[in-house]
Structure formats: structure tokens, C-alpha cells
PDB file of N, CA and C in Angstrom:
ATOM      1  N   MET A   1     -16.981  -3.760 -20.654  1.00  0.00           N
ATOM      2  CA  MET A   1     -15.688  -3.151 -20.738  1.00  0.00           C
ATOM      3  C   MET A   1     -14.967  -3.363 -19.404  1.00  0.00           C
ATOM      4  N   THR A   2     -13.764  -3.836 -19.459  1.00  0.00           N
ATOM      5  CA  THR A   2     -12.966  -4.090 -18.270  1.00  0.00           C
ATOM      6  C   THR A   2     -12.040  -2.909 -18.017  1.00  0.00           C
ATOM      7  N   HIS A   3     -12.076  -2.437 -16.774  1.00  0.00           N
ATOM      8  CA  HIS A   3     -11.201  -1.337 -16.382  1.00  0.00           C
ATOM      9  C   HIS A   3     -10.004  -1.907 -15.650  1.00  0.00           C
ATOM     10  N   SER A   4      -8.856  -1.446 -16.006  1.00  0.00           N
ATOM     11  CA  SER A   4      -7.630  -1.877 -15.346  1.00  0.00           C
ATOM     12  C   SER A   4      -6.947  -0.652 -14.771  1.00  0.00           C
ATOM     13  N   ARG A   5      -6.551  -0.758 -13.534  1.00  0.00           N
ATOM     14  CA  ARG A   5      -5.888   0.347 -12.868  1.00  0.00           C
ATOM     15  C   ARG A   5      -4.488  -0.106 -12.506  1.00  0.00           C
ATOM     16  N   HIS A   6      -3.510   0.672 -12.838  1.00  0.00           N
ATOM     17  CA  HIS A   6      -2.125   0.335 -12.548  1.00  0.00           C
ATOM     18  C   HIS A   6      -1.657   1.148 -11.352  1.00  0.00           C
ATOM     19  N   ILE A   7      -0.927   0.478 -10.473  1.00  0.00           N
ATOM     20  CA  ILE A   7      -0.350   1.165  -9.327  1.00  0.00           C
ATOM     21  C   ILE A   7       1.154   0.931  -9.335  1.00  0.00           C
ATOM     22  N   ASP A   8       1.865   1.796  -8.670  1.00  0.00           N
ATOM     23  CA  ASP A   8       3.313   1.680  -8.552  1.00  0.00           C
ATOM     24  C   ASP A   8       3.632   0.402  -7.765  1.00  0.00           C
ATOM     25  N   SER A   9       4.392  -0.499  -8.358  1.00  0.00           N
ATOM     26  CA  SER A   9       4.680  -1.791  -7.733  1.00  0.00           C
ATOM     27  C   SER A   9       5.512  -1.683  -6.466  1.00  0.00           C
ATOM     28  N   THR A  10       6.069  -0.515  -6.195  1.00  0.00           N
ATOM     29  CA  THR A  10       6.863  -0.324  -4.974  1.00  0.00           C
ATOM     30  C   THR A  10       6.100   0.450  -3.903  1.00  0.00           C
ATOM     31  N   SER A  11       4.833   0.736  -4.150  1.00  0.00           N
ATOM     32  CA  SER A  11       4.050   1.544  -3.212  1.00  0.00           C
ATOM     33  C   SER A  11       3.541   0.715  -2.038  1.00  0.00           C
ATOM     34  N   LEU A  12       3.148   1.415  -0.991  1.00  0.00           N
ATOM     35  CA  LEU A  12       2.569   0.793   0.193  1.00  0.00           C
ATOM     36  C   LEU A  12       1.334  -0.013  -0.194  1.00  0.00           C
ATOM     37  N   GLN A  13       0.483   0.563  -1.003  1.00  0.00           N
ATOM     38  CA  GLN A  13      -0.738  -0.111  -1.441  1.00  0.00           C
ATOM     39  C   GLN A  13      -0.413  -1.401  -2.192  1.00  0.00           C
ATOM     40  N   ALA A  14       0.583  -1.375  -3.061  1.00  0.00           N
ATOM     41  CA  ALA A  14       0.965  -2.563  -3.829  1.00  0.00           C
ATOM     42  C   ALA A  14       1.469  -3.667  -2.903  1.00  0.00           C
ATOM     43  N   TYR A  15       2.259  -3.310  -1.892  1.00  0.00           N
ATOM     44  CA  TYR A  15       2.764  -4.328  -0.972  1.00  0.00           C
ATOM     45  C   TYR A  15       1.658  -4.883  -0.085  1.00  0.00           C
ATOM     46  N   ARG A  16       0.711  -4.054   0.330  1.00  0.00           N
ATOM     47  CA  ARG A  16      -0.435  -4.571   1.086  1.00  0.00           C
ATOM     48  C   ARG A  16      -1.203  -5.587   0.250  1.00  0.00           C
ATOM     49  N   TYR A  17      -1.421  -5.243  -1.006  1.00  0.00           N
ATOM     50  CA  TYR A  17      -2.148  -6.118  -1.913  1.00  0.00           C
ATOM     51  C   TYR A  17      -1.356  -7.408  -2.156  1.00  0.00           C
ATOM     52  N   ARG A  18      -0.057  -7.290  -2.368  1.00  0.00           N
ATOM     53  CA  ARG A  18       0.803  -8.455  -2.613  1.00  0.00           C
ATOM     54  C   ARG A  18       0.774  -9.408  -1.421  1.00  0.00           C
ATOM     55  N   VAL A  19       0.889  -8.875  -0.206  1.00  0.00           N
ATOM     56  CA  VAL A  19       0.852  -9.710   0.996  1.00  0.00           C
ATOM     57  C   VAL A  19      -0.498 -10.413   1.113  1.00  0.00           C
ATOM     58  N   HIS A  20      -1.555  -9.698   0.852  1.00  0.00           N
ATOM     59  CA  HIS A  20      -2.904 -10.273   0.904  1.00  0.00           C
ATOM     60  C   HIS A  20      -3.034 -11.440  -0.071  1.00  0.00           C
ATOM     61  N   LEU A  21      -2.602 -11.235  -1.312  1.00  0.00           N
ATOM     62  CA  LEU A  21      -2.722 -12.278  -2.327  1.00  0.00           C
ATOM     63  C   LEU A  21      -1.837 -13.483  -2.026  1.00  0.00           C
ATOM     64  N   LEU A  22      -0.613 -13.233  -1.581  1.00  0.00           N
ATOM     65  CA  LEU A  22       0.275 -14.345  -1.253  1.00  0.00           C
ATOM     66  C   LEU A  22      -0.260 -15.158  -0.074  1.00  0.00           C
ATOM     67  N   ALA A  23      -0.840 -14.494   0.914  1.00  0.00           N
ATOM     68  CA  ALA A  23      -1.416 -15.210   2.059  1.00  0.00           C
ATOM     69  C   ALA A  23      -2.578 -16.097   1.608  1.00  0.00           C
ATOM     70  N   ARG A  24      -3.421 -15.574   0.746  1.00  0.00           N
ATOM     71  CA  ARG A  24      -4.534 -16.386   0.209  1.00  0.00           C
ATOM     72  C   ARG A  24      -4.011 -17.564  -0.591  1.00  0.00           C
ATOM     73  N   GLU A  25      -3.013 -17.303  -1.421  1.00  0.00           N
ATOM     74  CA  GLU A  25      -2.439 -18.359  -2.248  1.00  0.00           C
ATOM     75  C   GLU A  25      -1.818 -19.454  -1.371  1.00  0.00           C
ATOM     76  N   LEU A  26      -1.160 -19.058  -0.302  1.00  0.00           N
ATOM     77  CA  LEU A  26      -0.544 -20.014   0.610  1.00  0.00           C
ATOM     78  C   LEU A  26      -1.596 -20.936   1.221  1.00  0.00           C
ATOM     79  N   TRP A  27      -2.720 -20.378   1.657  1.00  0.00           N
ATOM     80  CA  TRP A  27      -3.788 -21.180   2.255  1.00  0.00           C
ATOM     81  C   TRP A  27      -4.386 -22.166   1.262  1.00  0.00           C
ATOM     82  N   GLN A  28      -4.423 -21.790  -0.007  1.00  0.00           N
ATOM     83  CA  GLN A  28      -5.067 -22.627  -1.014  1.00  0.00           C
ATOM     84  C   GLN A  28      -4.135 -23.680  -1.618  1.00  0.00           C
ATOM     85  N   GLU A  29      -2.836 -23.481  -1.521  1.00  0.00           N
ATOM     86  CA  GLU A  29      -1.874 -24.388  -2.171  1.00  0.00           C
ATOM     87  C   GLU A  29      -1.773 -25.715  -1.431  1.00  0.00           C
ATOM     88  N   LYS A  30      -1.758 -26.803  -2.181  1.00  0.00           N
ATOM     89  CA  LYS A  30      -1.656 -28.150  -1.607  1.00  0.00           C
ATOM     90  C   LYS A  30      -0.237 -28.710  -1.696  1.00  0.00           C
ATOM     91  N   ASN A  31       0.521 -28.307  -2.668  1.00  0.00           N
ATOM     92  CA  ASN A  31       1.870 -28.830  -2.896  1.00  0.00           C
ATOM     93  C   ASN A  31       2.845 -28.217  -1.876  1.00  0.00           C
ATOM     94  N   PRO A  32       3.508 -29.058  -1.055  1.00  0.00           N
ATOM     95  CA  PRO A  32       4.408 -28.543  -0.014  1.00  0.00           C
ATOM     96  C   PRO A  32       5.575 -27.715  -0.561  1.00  0.00           C
ATOM     97  N   LEU A  33       6.119 -28.092  -1.698  1.00  0.00           N
ATOM     98  CA  LEU A  33       7.224 -27.338  -2.277  1.00  0.00           C
ATOM     99  C   LEU A  33       6.763 -25.959  -2.743  1.00  0.00           C
ATOM    100  N   LYS A  34       5.575 -25.901  -3.327  1.00  0.00           N
ATOM    101  CA  LYS A  34       5.029 -24.603  -3.746  1.00  0.00           C
ATOM    102  C   LYS A  34       4.692 -23.747  -2.524  1.00  0.00           C
ATOM    103  N   ARG A  35       4.184 -24.390  -1.449  1.00  0.00           N
ATOM    104  CA  ARG A  35       3.897 -23.635  -0.220  1.00  0.00           C
ATOM    105  C   ARG A  35       5.171 -23.039   0.355  1.00  0.00           C
ATOM    106  N   LEU A  36       6.262 -23.792   0.290  1.00  0.00           N
ATOM    107  CA  LEU A  36       7.550 -23.269   0.763  1.00  0.00           C
ATOM    108  C   LEU A  36       7.939 -22.028  -0.028  1.00  0.00           C
ATOM    109  N   ASN A  37       7.842 -22.104  -1.328  1.00  0.00           N
ATOM    110  CA  ASN A  37       8.198 -20.974  -2.186  1.00  0.00           C
ATOM    111  C   ASN A  37       7.298 -19.760  -1.902  1.00  0.00           C
ATOM    112  N   ILE A  38       6.011 -20.000  -1.791  1.00  0.00           N
ATOM    113  CA  ILE A  38       5.072 -18.910  -1.497  1.00  0.00           C
ATOM    114  C   ILE A  38       5.382 -18.310  -0.126  1.00  0.00           C
ATOM    115  N   SER A  39       5.709 -19.155   0.854  1.00  0.00           N
ATOM    116  CA  SER A  39       6.035 -18.672   2.205  1.00  0.00           C
ATOM    117  C   SER A  39       7.248 -17.761   2.197  1.00  0.00           C
ATOM    118  N   LEU A  40       8.248 -18.127   1.420  1.00  0.00           N
ATOM    119  CA  LEU A  40       9.442 -17.280   1.321  1.00  0.00           C
ATOM    120  C   LEU A  40       9.108 -15.933   0.675  1.00  0.00           C
ATOM    121  N   GLN A  41       8.291 -15.967  -0.373  1.00  0.00           N
ATOM    122  CA  GLN A  41       7.869 -14.713  -1.017  1.00  0.00           C
ATOM    123  C   GLN A  41       7.048 -13.865  -0.053  1.00  0.00           C
ATOM    124  N   LEU A  42       6.172 -14.524   0.703  1.00  0.00           N
ATOM    125  CA  LEU A  42       5.326 -13.815   1.666  1.00  0.00           C
ATOM    126  C   LEU A  42       6.168 -13.176   2.773  1.00  0.00           C
ATOM    127  N   ALA A  43       7.160 -13.892   3.249  1.00  0.00           N
ATOM    128  CA  ALA A  43       8.045 -13.342   4.292  1.00  0.00           C
ATOM    129  C   ALA A  43       8.769 -12.105   3.787  1.00  0.00           C
ATOM    130  N   ASP A  44       9.270 -12.175   2.570  1.00  0.00           N
ATOM    131  CA  ASP A  44       9.977 -11.035   1.983  1.00  0.00           C
ATOM    132  C   ASP A  44       9.031  -9.845   1.805  1.00  0.00           C
ATOM    133  N   ALA A  45       7.854 -10.096   1.256  1.00  0.00           N
ATOM    134  CA  ALA A  45       6.893  -9.013   1.016  1.00  0.00           C
ATOM    135  C   ALA A  45       6.419  -8.406   2.336  1.00  0.00           C
ATOM    136  N   THR A  46       6.198  -9.246   3.342  1.00  0.00           N
ATOM    137  CA  THR A  46       5.725  -8.762   4.642  1.00  0.00           C
ATOM    138  C   THR A  46       6.786  -7.904   5.329  1.00  0.00           C
ATOM    139  N   THR A  47       8.035  -8.320   5.233  1.00  0.00           N
ATOM    140  CA  THR A  47       9.127  -7.536   5.814  1.00  0.00           C
ATOM    141  C   THR A  47       9.209  -6.167   5.149  1.00  0.00           C
ATOM    142  N   HIS A  48       9.117  -6.149   3.834  1.00  0.00           N
ATOM    143  CA  HIS A  48       9.180  -4.878   3.116  1.00  0.00           C
ATOM    144  C   HIS A  48       7.961  -4.008   3.454  1.00  0.00           C
ATOM    145  N   LEU A  49       6.793  -4.641   3.565  1.00  0.00           N
ATOM    146  CA  LEU A  49       5.583  -3.899   3.935  1.00  0.00           C
ATOM    147  C   LEU A  49       5.738  -3.265   5.319  1.00  0.00           C
ATOM    148  N   ALA A  50       6.294  -4.000   6.253  1.00  0.00           N
ATOM    149  CA  ALA A  50       6.496  -3.448   7.604  1.00  0.00           C
ATOM    150  C   ALA A  50       7.392  -2.219   7.559  1.00  0.00           C
ATOM    151  N   ARG A  51       8.430  -2.271   6.737  1.00  0.00           N
ATOM    152  CA  ARG A  51       9.314  -1.107   6.601  1.00  0.00           C
ATOM    153  C   ARG A  51       8.573   0.084   6.004  1.00  0.00           C
ATOM    154  N   LEU A  52       7.763  -0.175   4.980  1.00  0.00           N
ATOM    155  CA  LEU A  52       6.989   0.914   4.366  1.00  0.00           C
ATOM    156  C   LEU A  52       5.982   1.502   5.348  1.00  0.00           C
ATOM    157  N   GLU A  53       5.335   0.645   6.131  1.00  0.00           N
ATOM    158  CA  GLU A  53       4.376   1.127   7.139  1.00  0.00           C
ATOM    159  C   GLU A  53       5.099   1.991   8.171  1.00  0.00           C
ATOM    160  N   ALA A  54       6.283   1.574   8.597  1.00  0.00           N
ATOM    161  CA  ALA A  54       7.058   2.355   9.569  1.00  0.00           C
ATOM    162  C   ALA A  54       7.464   3.707   8.985  1.00  0.00           C
ATOM    163  N   GLU A  55       7.891   3.706   7.723  1.00  0.00           N
ATOM    164  CA  GLU A  55       8.253   4.970   7.073  1.00  0.00           C
ATOM    165  C   GLU A  55       7.056   5.913   7.000  1.00  0.00           C
ATOM    166  N   THR A  56       5.896   5.356   6.704  1.00  0.00           N
ATOM    167  CA  THR A  56       4.681   6.171   6.615  1.00  0.00           C
ATOM    168  C   THR A  56       4.349   6.790   7.968  1.00  0.00           C
ATOM    169  N   LEU A  57       4.438   5.982   9.033  1.00  0.00           N
ATOM    170  CA  LEU A  57       4.185   6.512  10.374  1.00  0.00           C
ATOM    171  C   LEU A  57       5.217   7.565  10.758  1.00  0.00           C
ATOM    172  N   GLN A  58       6.463   7.315  10.414  1.00  0.00           N
ATOM    173  CA  GLN A  58       7.522   8.264  10.749  1.00  0.00           C
ATOM    174  C   GLN A  58       7.285   9.597  10.041  1.00  0.00           C
ATOM    175  N   GLU A  59       6.866   9.530   8.788  1.00  0.00           N
ATOM    176  CA  GLU A  59       6.567  10.763   8.054  1.00  0.00           C
ATOM    177  C   GLU A  59       5.387  11.497   8.677  1.00  0.00           C
ATOM    178  N   GLN A  60       4.394  10.747   9.137  1.00  0.00           N
ATOM    179  CA  GLN A  60       3.203  11.361   9.702  1.00  0.00           C
ATOM    180  C   GLN A  60       3.446  11.938  11.092  1.00  0.00           C
ATOM    181  N   TYR A  61       4.231  11.245  11.916  1.00  0.00           N
ATOM    182  CA  TYR A  61       4.417  11.663  13.307  1.00  0.00           C
ATOM    183  C   TYR A  61       5.725  12.390  13.572  1.00  0.00           C
ATOM    184  N   GLY A  62       6.640  12.346  12.644  1.00  0.00           N
ATOM    185  CA  GLY A  62       7.890  13.084  12.789  1.00  0.00           C
ATOM    186  C   GLY A  62       8.658  12.726  14.039  1.00  0.00           C
ATOM    187  N   GLU A  63       8.969  13.735  14.844  1.00  0.00           N
ATOM    188  CA  GLU A  63       9.792  13.557  16.040  1.00  0.00           C
ATOM    189  C   GLU A  63       9.122  12.693  17.107  1.00  0.00           C
ATOM    190  N   ASP A  64       7.809  12.625  17.097  1.00  0.00           N
ATOM    191  CA  ASP A  64       7.083  11.828  18.094  1.00  0.00           C
ATOM    192  C   ASP A  64       7.129  10.337  17.801  1.00  0.00           C
ATOM    193  N   PHE A  65       7.593   9.956  16.633  1.00  0.00           N
ATOM    194  CA  PHE A  65       7.567   8.574  16.193  1.00  0.00           C
ATOM    195  C   PHE A  65       8.287   7.633  17.166  1.00  0.00           C
ATOM    196  N   GLU A  66       9.518   7.950  17.528  1.00  0.00           N
ATOM    197  CA  GLU A  66      10.291   7.088  18.431  1.00  0.00           C
ATOM    198  C   GLU A  66       9.618   6.972  19.793  1.00  0.00           C
ATOM    199  N   ARG A  67       9.123   8.082  20.313  1.00  0.00           N
ATOM    200  CA  ARG A  67       8.452   8.063  21.619  1.00  0.00           C
ATOM    201  C   ARG A  67       7.206   7.197  21.571  1.00  0.00           C
ATOM    202  N   ILE A  68       6.451   7.305  20.503  1.00  0.00           N
ATOM    203  CA  ILE A  68       5.234   6.515  20.340  1.00  0.00           C
ATOM    204  C   ILE A  68       5.569   5.029  20.305  1.00  0.00           C
ATOM    205  N   LEU A  69       6.616   4.667  19.559  1.00  0.00           N
ATOM    206  CA  LEU A  69       7.023   3.261  19.479  1.00  0.00           C
ATOM    207  C   LEU A  69       7.486   2.731  20.828  1.00  0.00           C
ATOM    208  N   GLN A  70       8.301   3.502  21.521  1.00  0.00           N
ATOM    209  CA  GLN A  70       8.859   3.047  22.790  1.00  0.00           C
ATOM    210  C   GLN A  70       7.794   2.940  23.879  1.00  0.00           C
ATOM    211  N   ASN A  71       6.861   3.861  23.904  1.00  0.00           N
ATOM    212  CA  ASN A  71       5.850   3.888  24.956  1.00  0.00           C
ATOM    213  C   ASN A  71       4.589   3.116  24.604  1.00  0.00           C
ATOM    214  N   GLY A  72       4.500   2.649  23.374  1.00  0.00           N
ATOM    215  CA  GLY A  72       3.308   1.915  22.958  1.00  0.00           C
ATOM    216  C   GLY A  72       2.049   2.770  23.009  1.00  0.00           C
ATOM    217  N   GLU A  73       2.211   4.055  22.750  1.00  0.00           N
ATOM    218  CA  GLU A  73       1.074   4.966  22.822  1.00  0.00           C
ATOM    219  C   GLU A  73       0.089   4.703  21.697  1.00  0.00           C
ATOM    220  N   LYS A  74      -1.159   4.985  21.994  1.00  0.00           N
ATOM    221  CA  LYS A  74      -2.168   4.871  20.954  1.00  0.00           C
ATOM    222  C   LYS A  74      -2.033   6.064  20.013  1.00  0.00           C
ATOM    223  N   LEU A  75      -2.253   5.800  18.748  1.00  0.00           N
ATOM    224  CA  LEU A  75      -2.117   6.846  17.745  1.00  0.00           C
ATOM    225  C   LEU A  75      -3.372   7.715  17.734  1.00  0.00           C
ATOM    226  N   LYS A  76      -3.155   9.020  17.658  1.00  0.00           N
ATOM    227  CA  LYS A  76      -4.275   9.955  17.628  1.00  0.00           C
ATOM    228  C   LYS A  76      -4.665  10.295  16.202  1.00  0.00           C
ATOM    229  N   LYS A  77      -3.694  10.267  15.322  1.00  0.00           N
ATOM    230  CA  LYS A  77      -3.960  10.553  13.922  1.00  0.00           C
ATOM    231  C   LYS A  77      -4.191   9.227  13.206  1.00  0.00           C
ATOM    232  N   THR A  78      -4.929   9.278  12.130  1.00  0.00           N
ATOM    233  CA  THR A  78      -5.090   8.074  11.321  1.00  0.00           C
ATOM    234  C   THR A  78      -4.585   8.357   9.925  1.00  0.00           C
ATOM    235  N   ILE A  79      -4.100   7.316   9.307  1.00  0.00           N
ATOM    236  CA  ILE A  79      -3.633   7.445   7.940  1.00  0.00           C
ATOM    237  C   ILE A  79      -4.836   7.251   7.034  1.00  0.00           C
ATOM    238  N   PRO A  80      -5.075   8.179   6.125  1.00  0.00           N
ATOM    239  CA  PRO A  80      -6.243   8.040   5.260  1.00  0.00           C
ATOM    240  C   PRO A  80      -6.158   6.768   4.422  1.00  0.00           C
ATOM    241  N   GLN A  81      -7.259   6.063   4.363  1.00  0.00           N
ATOM    242  CA  GLN A  81      -7.352   4.865   3.541  1.00  0.00           C
ATOM    243  C   GLN A  81      -7.942   5.239   2.192  1.00  0.00           C
ATOM    244  N   GLU A  82      -7.787   4.338   1.236  1.00  0.00           N
ATOM    245  CA  GLU A  82      -8.368   4.561  -0.075  1.00  0.00           C
ATOM    246  C   GLU A  82      -9.889   4.583   0.087  1.00  0.00           C
ATOM    247  N   ASN A  83     -10.571   5.355  -0.743  1.00  0.00           N
ATOM    248  CA  ASN A  83     -12.021   5.388  -0.622  1.00  0.00           C
ATOM    249  C   ASN A  83     -12.607   4.074  -1.116  1.00  0.00           C
ATOM    250  N   SER A  84     -13.893   3.839  -0.848  1.00  0.00           N
ATOM    251  CA  SER A  84     -14.507   2.554  -1.167  1.00  0.00           C
ATOM    252  C   SER A  84     -14.503   2.270  -2.658  1.00  0.00           C
ATOM    253  N   TYR A  85     -14.566   3.292  -3.494  1.00  0.00           N
ATOM    254  CA  TYR A  85     -14.517   3.089  -4.936  1.00  0.00           C
ATOM    255  C   TYR A  85     -13.166   2.532  -5.331  1.00  0.00           C
ATOM    256  N   GLU A  86     -12.107   3.081  -4.754  1.00  0.00           N
ATOM    257  CA  GLU A  86     -10.753   2.626  -5.066  1.00  0.00           C
ATOM    258  C   GLU A  86     -10.549   1.187  -4.576  1.00  0.00           C
ATOM    259  N   LYS A  87     -11.126   0.845  -3.406  1.00  0.00           N
ATOM    260  CA  LYS A  87     -10.965  -0.488  -2.868  1.00  0.00           C
ATOM    261  C   LYS A  87     -11.678  -1.538  -3.710  1.00  0.00           C
ATOM    262  N   SER A  88     -12.758  -1.135  -4.367  1.00  0.00           N
ATOM    263  CA  SER A  88     -13.546  -2.114  -5.127  1.00  0.00           C
ATOM    264  C   SER A  88     -12.857  -2.507  -6.432  1.00  0.00           C
ATOM    265  N   LYS A  89     -11.903  -1.739  -6.880  1.00  0.00           N
ATOM    266  CA  LYS A  89     -11.213  -2.025  -8.122  1.00  0.00           C
ATOM    267  C   LYS A  89      -9.979  -2.871  -7.835  1.00  0.00           C
ATOM    268  N   SER A  90      -9.702  -3.832  -8.664  1.00  0.00           N
ATOM    269  CA  SER A  90      -8.518  -4.661  -8.492  1.00  0.00           C
ATOM    270  C   SER A  90      -7.362  -4.042  -9.243  1.00  0.00           C
ATOM    271  N   PRO A  91      -6.317  -3.642  -8.540  1.00  0.00           N
ATOM    272  CA  PRO A  91      -5.164  -3.031  -9.230  1.00  0.00           C
ATOM    273  C   PRO A  91      -4.339  -4.076  -9.962  1.00  0.00           C
ATOM    274  N   SER A  92      -3.701  -3.658 -11.011  1.00  0.00           N
ATOM    275  CA  SER A  92      -2.776  -4.509 -11.734  1.00  0.00           C
ATOM    276  C   SER A  92      -1.372  -4.213 -11.256  1.00  0.00           C
ATOM    277  N   LEU A  93      -0.658  -5.239 -10.879  1.00  0.00           N
ATOM    278  CA  LEU A  93       0.715  -5.038 -10.394  1.00  0.00           C
ATOM    279  C   LEU A  93       1.697  -5.174 -11.509  1.00  0.00           C
TER     280      LEU A  93
END
């Protein structure tokens, strides 16, 4: 029996997964025109992922966010990652 898990296609997790898959696809592609297309998709997905990551940090750190960015401070809090069971499953986008 195959289990399929659906995630919100606009979520942070979905964009991390999308960037990962596009990067792998780019490395494996031999056709230069297809690599160009994949590169453009990867650039777009990576830019959006960076924005989502920044929003997540801003929500977590609140007012300290700007100071942390400007001073390059090390983060004391960590963002919880998915548990190992969740990571082992391949989400459907």
C-alpha cells in the first residue's frame, strides 16, 4: 500500500522540497535548453524560499530580527524541524 501525503504548495516545507528537487534535476539534465528552463525555475523557487525563511525568522524573533540581521549574530533559538518520520515520507506537491 502506498501512502501519499499532501502538503500546502505555498508552505515553507514545499518550497524547500521544490528547491531540492529542481537542484537535483538541474545536475542530471544534459540538454542545455532544458537546463536553462530548470535554472530559471530554481532561481524563482529559491528567491521565494528565501523570503519565506526570512518571514519565519521574523515571526520567531520579532523585534530582534533586524538587529540580528545587521549584526550577524548567532541565533539562540532554533526552528523546529520535521521529525524523522515526516522526513522519510515523500510529500506530493
